[in-house]
Amino acid sequence: SNKKYHLGDKPRSTSHIIFGLGENKSQALASVSSLKIHEYAFVKRSNGEYSYSILADRTITKNPKDGKEVECMVFVTSPEGHSKIIKRKYWADMVCLVKDTCLD
């Protein structure tokens, strides 16, 4: 059987996800921050489910309210090319790393 994931797949087991270590936001943020372009992660969708996604880009946008720069990650979340832009303040809550062991 092919254990590999395809874009948009839901995690087949919680053991495939490195969760955001709930109580340790700074550690979760650090691990998510280390993602590189074209690396994979599970991204929380608006319906609360996670999808296997690829990091397509990192961008800096300006907050229209105060003009401050905001770091964002752009993920492609489906084979059809749907994308989701996640601001840095949500990274620890919405992005989970993939455990290497699930891709063996």
N, C-alpha and C. Protein backbone atom coordinates (compact mmCIF):
# COMPACT_ATOMS: atom_id res chain seq x y z
N SER A 1 0.84 -1.20 0.00
CA SER A 1 0.00 0.00 0.00
C SER A 1 0.88 1.25 0.00
N ASN A 2 0.41 2.27 -0.64
CA ASN A 2 1.16 3.51 -0.72
C ASN A 2 0.79 4.38 0.48
N LYS A 3 1.76 4.55 1.38
CA LYS A 3 1.48 5.31 2.59
C LYS A 3 1.68 6.81 2.37
N LYS A 4 2.21 7.14 1.21
CA LYS A 4 2.49 8.56 0.98
C LYS A 4 1.20 9.35 0.86
N TYR A 5 1.30 10.60 1.20
CA TYR A 5 0.14 11.49 1.14
C TYR A 5 0.11 12.25 -0.17
N HIS A 6 -1.08 12.67 -0.54
CA HIS A 6 -1.28 13.56 -1.68
C HIS A 6 -1.88 14.86 -1.17
N LEU A 7 -1.67 15.93 -1.93
CA LEU A 7 -2.21 17.22 -1.52
C LEU A 7 -3.70 17.10 -1.20
N GLY A 8 -4.10 17.70 -0.10
CA GLY A 8 -5.50 17.71 0.28
C GLY A 8 -5.90 16.54 1.16
N ASP A 9 -5.05 15.51 1.27
CA ASP A 9 -5.39 14.37 2.12
C ASP A 9 -5.48 14.78 3.58
N LYS A 10 -6.41 14.16 4.29
CA LYS A 10 -6.48 14.32 5.74
C LYS A 10 -5.48 13.37 6.36
N PRO A 11 -4.97 13.70 7.56
CA PRO A 11 -4.06 12.77 8.22
C PRO A 11 -4.77 11.45 8.49
N ARG A 12 -4.11 10.36 8.19
CA ARG A 12 -4.71 9.04 8.40
C ARG A 12 -4.52 8.56 9.84
N SER A 13 -3.62 9.21 10.55
CA SER A 13 -3.38 8.85 11.94
C SER A 13 -2.82 10.07 12.66
N THR A 14 -3.21 10.26 13.92
CA THR A 14 -2.64 11.39 14.65
C THR A 14 -1.14 11.21 14.86
N SER A 15 -0.67 9.98 14.71
CA SER A 15 0.77 9.74 14.87
C SER A 15 1.57 10.30 13.70
N HIS A 16 0.88 10.73 12.63
CA HIS A 16 1.57 11.31 11.47
C HIS A 16 1.79 12.81 11.62
N ILE A 17 1.21 13.37 12.67
CA ILE A 17 1.27 14.82 12.86
C ILE A 17 2.12 15.15 14.08
N ILE A 18 2.96 16.16 13.93
CA ILE A 18 3.63 16.73 15.10
C ILE A 18 2.77 17.92 15.50
N PHE A 19 2.00 17.76 16.56
CA PHE A 19 1.08 18.83 16.95
C PHE A 19 1.83 20.00 17.54
N GLY A 20 1.16 21.13 17.58
CA GLY A 20 1.77 22.39 18.01
C GLY A 20 2.11 22.43 19.49
N LEU A 21 2.23 21.28 20.12
CA LEU A 21 2.71 21.21 21.50
C LEU A 21 1.93 22.20 22.35
N GLY A 22 0.65 22.31 22.05
CA GLY A 22 -0.31 23.23 22.67
C GLY A 22 0.23 24.22 23.68
N GLU A 23 0.76 23.69 24.79
CA GLU A 23 1.16 24.60 25.87
C GLU A 23 2.45 25.33 25.53
N ASN A 24 3.18 24.86 24.53
CA ASN A 24 4.47 25.49 24.23
C ASN A 24 4.43 26.18 22.88
N LYS A 25 3.78 27.35 22.85
CA LYS A 25 3.59 28.10 21.60
C LYS A 25 4.92 28.49 20.96
N SER A 26 5.89 28.91 21.79
CA SER A 26 7.14 29.40 21.19
C SER A 26 7.89 28.26 20.50
N GLN A 27 7.83 27.07 21.08
CA GLN A 27 8.49 25.92 20.45
C GLN A 27 7.76 25.54 19.17
N ALA A 28 6.43 25.57 19.23
CA ALA A 28 5.64 25.25 18.04
C ALA A 28 5.94 26.25 16.93
N LEU A 29 5.99 27.53 17.30
CA LEU A 29 6.26 28.57 16.31
C LEU A 29 7.65 28.38 15.69
N ALA A 30 8.62 28.04 16.52
CA ALA A 30 9.98 27.84 16.03
C ALA A 30 10.03 26.69 15.03
N SER A 31 9.33 25.59 15.34
CA SER A 31 9.40 24.43 14.44
C SER A 31 8.69 24.73 13.13
N VAL A 32 7.56 25.42 13.19
CA VAL A 32 6.85 25.77 11.96
C VAL A 32 7.64 26.80 11.15
N SER A 33 8.29 27.72 11.85
CA SER A 33 9.09 28.76 11.17
C SER A 33 10.21 28.16 10.34
N SER A 34 10.64 26.96 10.72
CA SER A 34 11.77 26.33 10.02
C SER A 34 11.37 25.71 8.68
N LEU A 35 10.07 25.67 8.39
CA LEU A 35 9.62 25.09 7.11
C LEU A 35 10.23 25.85 5.94
N LYS A 36 10.64 25.10 4.94
CA LYS A 36 11.20 25.71 3.74
C LYS A 36 10.21 25.57 2.59
N ILE A 37 10.38 26.43 1.58
CA ILE A 37 9.53 26.37 0.39
C ILE A 37 9.57 24.94 -0.16
N HIS A 38 8.42 24.44 -0.55
CA HIS A 38 8.22 23.11 -1.12
C HIS A 38 8.30 21.99 -0.08
N GLU A 39 8.32 22.33 1.20
CA GLU A 39 8.19 21.31 2.23
C GLU A 39 6.70 21.17 2.57
N TYR A 40 6.36 20.02 3.16
CA TYR A 40 4.96 19.70 3.41
C TYR A 40 4.59 19.89 4.88
N ALA A 41 3.32 20.16 5.10
CA ALA A 41 2.80 20.29 6.46
C ALA A 41 1.31 19.96 6.40
N PHE A 42 0.73 19.72 7.57
CA PHE A 42 -0.73 19.63 7.66
C PHE A 42 -1.25 20.99 8.08
N VAL A 43 -2.16 21.54 7.29
CA VAL A 43 -2.68 22.89 7.53
C VAL A 43 -4.15 22.79 7.91
N LYS A 44 -4.51 23.50 8.98
CA LYS A 44 -5.89 23.49 9.46
C LYS A 44 -6.75 24.32 8.52
N ARG A 45 -7.82 23.72 8.04
CA ARG A 45 -8.73 24.38 7.11
C ARG A 45 -9.84 25.08 7.89
N SER A 46 -10.64 25.85 7.19
CA SER A 46 -11.71 26.60 7.86
C SER A 46 -12.74 25.68 8.50
N ASN A 47 -12.83 24.44 8.02
CA ASN A 47 -13.78 23.49 8.61
C ASN A 47 -13.19 22.76 9.82
N GLY A 48 -11.97 23.12 10.20
CA GLY A 48 -11.35 22.53 11.38
C GLY A 48 -10.54 21.27 11.10
N GLU A 49 -10.62 20.77 9.86
CA GLU A 49 -9.84 19.57 9.52
C GLU A 49 -8.49 19.97 8.96
N TYR A 50 -7.55 19.04 9.05
CA TYR A 50 -6.21 19.30 8.52
C TYR A 50 -6.07 18.71 7.13
N SER A 51 -5.33 19.40 6.26
CA SER A 51 -5.05 18.91 4.92
C SER A 51 -3.55 18.89 4.68
N TYR A 52 -3.11 17.84 3.99
CA TYR A 52 -1.71 17.73 3.59
C TYR A 52 -1.45 18.82 2.54
N SER A 53 -0.51 19.70 2.83
CA SER A 53 -0.31 20.89 2.01
C SER A 53 1.17 21.13 1.78
N ILE A 54 1.46 21.93 0.77
CA ILE A 54 2.86 22.25 0.46
C ILE A 54 3.06 23.76 0.61
N LEU A 55 4.17 24.12 1.22
CA LEU A 55 4.51 25.54 1.38
C LEU A 55 4.97 26.08 0.03
N ALA A 56 4.17 26.97 -0.54
CA ALA A 56 4.45 27.49 -1.87
C ALA A 56 5.27 28.78 -1.82
N ASP A 57 5.07 29.57 -0.78
CA ASP A 57 5.73 30.87 -0.75
C ASP A 57 5.70 31.42 0.67
N ARG A 58 6.61 32.34 0.90
CA ARG A 58 6.58 33.14 2.13
C ARG A 58 6.52 34.58 1.67
N THR A 59 5.62 35.33 2.25
CA THR A 59 5.45 36.72 1.81
C THR A 59 5.44 37.64 3.02
N ILE A 60 5.65 38.90 2.74
CA ILE A 60 5.49 39.93 3.77
C ILE A 60 4.37 40.85 3.27
N THR A 61 3.35 41.01 4.08
CA THR A 61 2.29 41.94 3.71
C THR A 61 2.25 43.03 4.77
N LYS A 62 1.65 44.14 4.40
CA LYS A 62 1.51 45.24 5.36
C LYS A 62 0.10 45.20 5.95
N ASN A 63 0.03 45.30 7.25
CA ASN A 63 -1.25 45.38 7.92
C ASN A 63 -1.89 46.72 7.56
N PRO A 64 -3.09 46.71 6.94
CA PRO A 64 -3.69 47.97 6.50
C PRO A 64 -3.98 48.92 7.66
N LYS A 65 -4.18 48.37 8.86
CA LYS A 65 -4.53 49.22 10.01
C LYS A 65 -3.35 50.05 10.50
N ASP A 66 -2.21 49.39 10.70
CA ASP A 66 -1.09 50.11 11.31
C ASP A 66 0.16 50.17 10.44
N GLY A 67 0.08 49.55 9.23
CA GLY A 67 1.23 49.61 8.33
C GLY A 67 2.38 48.71 8.71
N LYS A 68 2.21 47.92 9.78
CA LYS A 68 3.28 47.01 10.20
C LYS A 68 3.37 45.85 9.23
N GLU A 69 4.60 45.36 9.05
CA GLU A 69 4.80 44.22 8.16
C GLU A 69 4.40 42.93 8.88
N VAL A 70 3.73 42.07 8.14
CA VAL A 70 3.27 40.79 8.68
C VAL A 70 3.83 39.68 7.80
N GLU A 71 4.51 38.72 8.43
CA GLU A 71 5.06 37.59 7.70
C GLU A 71 3.96 36.56 7.48
N CYS A 72 3.87 36.04 6.26
CA CYS A 72 2.83 35.06 5.94
C CYS A 72 3.46 33.85 5.24
N MET A 73 2.77 32.71 5.38
CA MET A 73 3.11 31.53 4.60
C MET A 73 1.93 31.25 3.67
N VAL A 74 2.27 30.89 2.43
CA VAL A 74 1.23 30.55 1.46
C VAL A 74 1.33 29.05 1.17
N PHE A 75 0.27 28.33 1.51
CA PHE A 75 0.23 26.88 1.29
C PHE A 75 -0.73 26.55 0.16
N VAL A 76 -0.35 25.57 -0.67
CA VAL A 76 -1.30 24.99 -1.62
C VAL A 76 -1.88 23.77 -0.92
N THR A 77 -3.23 23.74 -0.83
CA THR A 77 -3.88 22.75 0.03
C THR A 77 -4.64 21.67 -0.73
N SER A 78 -4.63 21.75 -2.07
CA SER A 78 -5.37 20.73 -2.84
C SER A 78 -4.75 20.56 -4.21
N PRO A 79 -5.04 19.42 -4.86
CA PRO A 79 -4.51 19.20 -6.21
C PRO A 79 -5.05 20.23 -7.20
N GLU A 80 -6.20 20.83 -6.88
CA GLU A 80 -6.79 21.83 -7.79
C GLU A 80 -6.10 23.19 -7.64
N GLY A 81 -5.21 23.29 -6.67
CA GLY A 81 -4.46 24.54 -6.52
C GLY A 81 -5.05 25.52 -5.53
N HIS A 82 -6.01 25.09 -4.71
CA HIS A 82 -6.52 25.98 -3.66
C HIS A 82 -5.37 26.37 -2.75
N SER A 83 -5.39 27.61 -2.31
CA SER A 83 -4.30 28.04 -1.45
C SER A 83 -4.84 28.70 -0.19
N LYS A 84 -4.00 28.74 0.81
CA LYS A 84 -4.36 29.34 2.08
C LYS A 84 -3.18 30.17 2.55
N ILE A 85 -3.45 31.41 2.89
CA ILE A 85 -2.41 32.31 3.39
C ILE A 85 -2.56 32.37 4.91
N ILE A 86 -1.49 32.09 5.61
CA ILE A 86 -1.54 32.07 7.07
C ILE A 86 -0.55 33.07 7.64
N LYS A 87 -1.08 34.00 8.42
CA LYS A 87 -0.23 35.01 9.07
C LYS A 87 0.55 34.38 10.21
N ARG A 88 1.71 34.96 10.47
CA ARG A 88 2.62 34.42 11.48
C ARG A 88 1.93 34.15 12.81
N LYS A 89 1.02 35.05 13.23
CA LYS A 89 0.42 34.87 14.55
C LYS A 89 -0.44 33.61 14.64
N TYR A 90 -0.78 33.03 13.50
CA TYR A 90 -1.59 31.81 13.49
C TYR A 90 -0.78 30.54 13.20
N TRP A 91 0.51 30.70 12.90
CA TRP A 91 1.30 29.53 12.49
C TRP A 91 1.23 28.41 13.52
N ALA A 92 1.42 28.74 14.78
CA ALA A 92 1.48 27.69 15.82
C ALA A 92 0.15 26.96 15.96
N ASP A 93 -0.95 27.63 15.64
CA ASP A 93 -2.28 27.02 15.79
C ASP A 93 -2.73 26.28 14.55
N MET A 94 -2.27 26.69 13.39
CA MET A 94 -2.86 26.19 12.14
C MET A 94 -1.95 25.33 11.29
N VAL A 95 -0.67 25.26 11.65
CA VAL A 95 0.27 24.48 10.84
C VAL A 95 0.91 23.42 11.72
N CYS A 96 0.84 22.18 11.27
CA CYS A 96 1.48 21.07 12.00
C CYS A 96 2.48 20.39 11.08
N LEU A 97 3.63 20.07 11.63
CA LEU A 97 4.63 19.38 10.84
C LEU A 97 4.25 17.92 10.65
N VAL A 98 4.79 17.35 9.59
CA VAL A 98 4.53 15.94 9.25
C VAL A 98 5.65 15.10 9.86
N LYS A 99 5.28 14.03 10.55
CA LYS A 99 6.30 13.12 11.08
C LYS A 99 6.92 12.35 9.94
N ASP A 100 8.24 12.36 9.85
CA ASP A 100 8.94 11.69 8.75
C ASP A 100 8.56 10.21 8.66
N THR A 101 8.30 9.61 9.81
CA THR A 101 8.06 8.17 9.82
C THR A 101 6.84 7.78 9.01
N CYS A 102 5.88 8.71 8.82
CA CYS A 102 4.66 8.32 8.09
C CYS A 102 4.91 8.28 6.59
N LEU A 103 6.08 8.72 6.16
CA LEU A 103 6.35 8.76 4.72
C LEU A 103 7.31 7.65 4.29
N ASP A 104 7.65 6.79 5.22
CA ASP A 104 8.58 5.69 4.88
C ASP A 104 7.97 4.74 3.87
